[in-house]
Amino acid sequence: MKLPWWSEIRSLVAWWVVVTMLLWLLGKLFGQSVNLIGCAATAMLVIAIGETGDWLRRRRSSGRAARERRTG
């Protein structure tokens, strides 16, 4: 049984891993004392903000398109 939201979860986890490692590597590159758990938490926050912004953008554009179809 394939769950309909499984691909969305895999995508978010993949982004979370990539952003976590990017933050950790940037911290190491600039000589900061970095904590992998802190980087993971920050990555989660950044992704949550980004996903919320994307959801709002899609919601606004679909509402705008519906209004244009009605006023046509």
N, C-alpha and C. Protein backbone atom coordinates (compact mmCIF):
# COMPACT_ATOMS: atom_id res chain seq x y z
N MET A 1 0.85 -1.18 0.00
CA MET A 1 0.00 0.00 0.00
C MET A 1 0.89 1.25 0.00
N LYS A 2 0.73 2.06 -0.99
CA LYS A 2 1.53 3.27 -1.09
C LYS A 2 0.75 4.45 -0.50
N LEU A 3 1.39 5.11 0.44
CA LEU A 3 0.74 6.25 1.08
C LEU A 3 0.89 7.49 0.20
N PRO A 4 -0.16 8.28 0.03
CA PRO A 4 -0.10 9.42 -0.89
C PRO A 4 0.86 10.52 -0.46
N TRP A 5 1.17 10.63 0.80
CA TRP A 5 2.03 11.70 1.29
C TRP A 5 3.46 11.22 1.51
N TRP A 6 3.76 9.96 1.18
CA TRP A 6 5.08 9.40 1.42
C TRP A 6 6.16 10.14 0.64
N SER A 7 5.90 10.49 -0.61
CA SER A 7 6.91 11.20 -1.42
C SER A 7 7.18 12.59 -0.84
N GLU A 8 6.17 13.22 -0.28
CA GLU A 8 6.35 14.54 0.35
C GLU A 8 7.25 14.43 1.58
N ILE A 9 7.05 13.40 2.37
CA ILE A 9 7.89 13.19 3.56
C ILE A 9 9.33 12.90 3.15
N ARG A 10 9.52 12.06 2.15
CA ARG A 10 10.87 11.76 1.69
C ARG A 10 11.57 13.01 1.19
N SER A 11 10.85 13.85 0.48
CA SER A 11 11.43 15.10 -0.03
C SER A 11 11.85 16.02 1.11
N LEU A 12 10.99 16.17 2.11
CA LEU A 12 11.32 17.03 3.25
C LEU A 12 12.51 16.50 4.04
N VAL A 13 12.57 15.19 4.22
CA VAL A 13 13.70 14.60 4.95
C VAL A 13 15.00 14.80 4.17
N ALA A 14 14.93 14.62 2.86
CA ALA A 14 16.12 14.83 2.03
C ALA A 14 16.60 16.27 2.12
N TRP A 15 15.66 17.23 2.04
CA TRP A 15 16.03 18.64 2.18
C TRP A 15 16.62 18.92 3.56
N TRP A 16 16.04 18.32 4.57
CA TRP A 16 16.51 18.53 5.93
C TRP A 16 17.95 18.06 6.09
N VAL A 17 18.25 16.89 5.54
CA VAL A 17 19.62 16.37 5.62
C VAL A 17 20.59 17.28 4.86
N VAL A 18 20.20 17.69 3.66
CA VAL A 18 21.07 18.55 2.84
C VAL A 18 21.33 19.88 3.54
N VAL A 19 20.28 20.53 4.04
CA VAL A 19 20.45 21.83 4.69
C VAL A 19 21.25 21.68 5.99
N THR A 20 21.01 20.61 6.74
CA THR A 20 21.77 20.37 7.96
C THR A 20 23.26 20.25 7.66
N MET A 21 23.59 19.44 6.68
CA MET A 21 25.00 19.25 6.34
C MET A 21 25.61 20.53 5.79
N LEU A 22 24.86 21.29 5.02
CA LEU A 22 25.35 22.55 4.48
C LEU A 22 25.66 23.54 5.61
N LEU A 23 24.75 23.64 6.57
CA LEU A 23 24.98 24.53 7.71
C LEU A 23 26.19 24.08 8.53
N TRP A 24 26.31 22.77 8.73
CA TRP A 24 27.42 22.23 9.51
C TRP A 24 28.75 22.48 8.80
N LEU A 25 28.78 22.24 7.48
CA LEU A 25 30.00 22.46 6.71
C LEU A 25 30.38 23.94 6.66
N LEU A 26 29.40 24.81 6.51
CA LEU A 26 29.69 26.25 6.52
C LEU A 26 30.25 26.69 7.86
N GLY A 27 29.71 26.15 8.94
CA GLY A 27 30.23 26.46 10.26
C GLY A 27 31.67 26.02 10.42
N LYS A 28 31.97 24.81 9.96
CA LYS A 28 33.35 24.30 10.02
C LYS A 28 34.28 25.14 9.13
N LEU A 29 33.80 25.52 7.96
CA LEU A 29 34.59 26.30 7.01
C LEU A 29 35.00 27.65 7.61
N PHE A 30 34.08 28.27 8.34
CA PHE A 30 34.36 29.57 8.93
C PHE A 30 34.94 29.48 10.35
N GLY A 31 35.30 28.28 10.77
CA GLY A 31 35.99 28.10 12.04
C GLY A 31 35.11 28.27 13.27
N GLN A 32 33.82 28.09 13.13
CA GLN A 32 32.91 28.20 14.27
C GLN A 32 32.83 26.85 14.98
N SER A 33 32.52 26.89 16.25
CA SER A 33 32.28 25.62 16.95
C SER A 33 30.82 25.25 16.69
N VAL A 34 30.64 24.27 15.84
CA VAL A 34 29.28 23.91 15.41
C VAL A 34 28.84 22.63 16.08
N ASN A 35 27.55 22.56 16.34
CA ASN A 35 26.92 21.41 16.93
C ASN A 35 25.96 20.85 15.89
N LEU A 36 26.08 19.58 15.56
CA LEU A 36 25.24 18.98 14.54
C LEU A 36 23.76 19.05 14.92
N ILE A 37 23.44 18.90 16.19
CA ILE A 37 22.04 18.98 16.63
C ILE A 37 21.50 20.40 16.43
N GLY A 38 22.32 21.39 16.73
CA GLY A 38 21.91 22.78 16.50
C GLY A 38 21.70 23.06 15.03
N CYS A 39 22.57 22.53 14.19
CA CYS A 39 22.41 22.70 12.74
C CYS A 39 21.13 22.02 12.25
N ALA A 40 20.84 20.84 12.79
CA ALA A 40 19.63 20.12 12.41
C ALA A 40 18.37 20.90 12.82
N ALA A 41 18.39 21.47 14.02
CA ALA A 41 17.24 22.26 14.47
C ALA A 41 17.07 23.52 13.63
N THR A 42 18.16 24.17 13.30
CA THR A 42 18.09 25.37 12.46
C THR A 42 17.59 25.01 11.07
N ALA A 43 18.07 23.90 10.53
CA ALA A 43 17.62 23.46 9.21
C ALA A 43 16.12 23.18 9.22
N MET A 44 15.64 22.57 10.30
CA MET A 44 14.20 22.28 10.40
C MET A 44 13.40 23.58 10.42
N LEU A 45 13.89 24.57 11.15
CA LEU A 45 13.21 25.86 11.21
C LEU A 45 13.21 26.55 9.84
N VAL A 46 14.34 26.54 9.16
CA VAL A 46 14.44 27.17 7.84
C VAL A 46 13.49 26.48 6.85
N ILE A 47 13.45 25.17 6.87
CA ILE A 47 12.59 24.43 5.95
C ILE A 47 11.12 24.67 6.29
N ALA A 48 10.77 24.71 7.57
CA ALA A 48 9.38 24.98 7.96
C ALA A 48 8.93 26.36 7.49
N ILE A 49 9.80 27.35 7.64
CA ILE A 49 9.46 28.70 7.18
C ILE A 49 9.32 28.72 5.65
N GLY A 50 10.23 28.05 4.97
CA GLY A 50 10.16 27.99 3.51
C GLY A 50 8.92 27.29 3.00
N GLU A 51 8.57 26.17 3.62
CA GLU A 51 7.37 25.44 3.21
C GLU A 51 6.10 26.23 3.49
N THR A 52 6.07 26.94 4.62
CA THR A 52 4.91 27.78 4.93
C THR A 52 4.78 28.90 3.91
N GLY A 53 5.89 29.53 3.56
CA GLY A 53 5.87 30.58 2.55
C GLY A 53 5.41 30.06 1.21
N ASP A 54 5.87 28.87 0.83
CA ASP A 54 5.45 28.27 -0.44
C ASP A 54 3.97 27.95 -0.42
N TRP A 55 3.46 27.44 0.70
CA TRP A 55 2.03 27.13 0.83
C TRP A 55 1.20 28.41 0.69
N LEU A 56 1.64 29.49 1.35
CA LEU A 56 0.92 30.76 1.24
C LEU A 56 0.95 31.29 -0.18
N ARG A 57 2.09 31.18 -0.85
CA ARG A 57 2.21 31.65 -2.23
C ARG A 57 1.26 30.89 -3.15
N ARG A 58 1.23 29.55 -3.00
CA ARG A 58 0.33 28.75 -3.84
C ARG A 58 -1.13 29.06 -3.53
N ARG A 59 -1.43 29.28 -2.27
CA ARG A 59 -2.81 29.58 -1.89
C ARG A 59 -3.26 30.93 -2.48
N ARG A 60 -2.37 31.92 -2.40
CA ARG A 60 -2.71 33.24 -2.96
C ARG A 60 -2.86 33.19 -4.47
N SER A 61 -1.98 32.45 -5.15
CA SER A 61 -2.06 32.41 -6.61
C SER A 61 -3.29 31.64 -7.08
N SER A 62 -3.68 30.58 -6.35
CA SER A 62 -4.88 29.85 -6.75
C SER A 62 -6.13 30.69 -6.48
N GLY A 63 -6.13 31.46 -5.38
CA GLY A 63 -7.26 32.35 -5.11
C GLY A 63 -7.37 33.46 -6.13
N ARG A 64 -6.22 33.99 -6.55
CA ARG A 64 -6.20 35.04 -7.57
C ARG A 64 -6.71 34.50 -8.90
N ALA A 65 -6.29 33.28 -9.25
CA ALA A 65 -6.73 32.68 -10.52
C ALA A 65 -8.24 32.42 -10.50
N ALA A 66 -8.78 32.00 -9.36
CA ALA A 66 -10.21 31.75 -9.24
C ALA A 66 -11.00 33.05 -9.38
N ARG A 67 -10.48 34.14 -8.78
CA ARG A 67 -11.16 35.43 -8.91
C ARG A 67 -11.15 35.91 -10.37
N GLU A 68 -10.03 35.70 -11.06
CA GLU A 68 -9.95 36.13 -12.45
C GLU A 68 -10.91 35.33 -13.34
N ARG A 69 -11.08 34.04 -13.04
CA ARG A 69 -12.02 33.23 -13.82
C ARG A 69 -13.46 33.70 -13.60
N ARG A 70 -13.78 34.09 -12.34
CA ARG A 70 -15.13 34.56 -12.05
C ARG A 70 -15.43 35.89 -12.69
N THR A 71 -14.45 36.80 -12.68
CA THR A 71 -14.69 38.13 -13.23
C THR A 71 -14.45 38.15 -14.74
N GLY A 72 -13.68 37.19 -15.22
CA GLY A 72 -13.33 36.90 -16.57
C GLY A 72 -13.43 37.85 -17.59
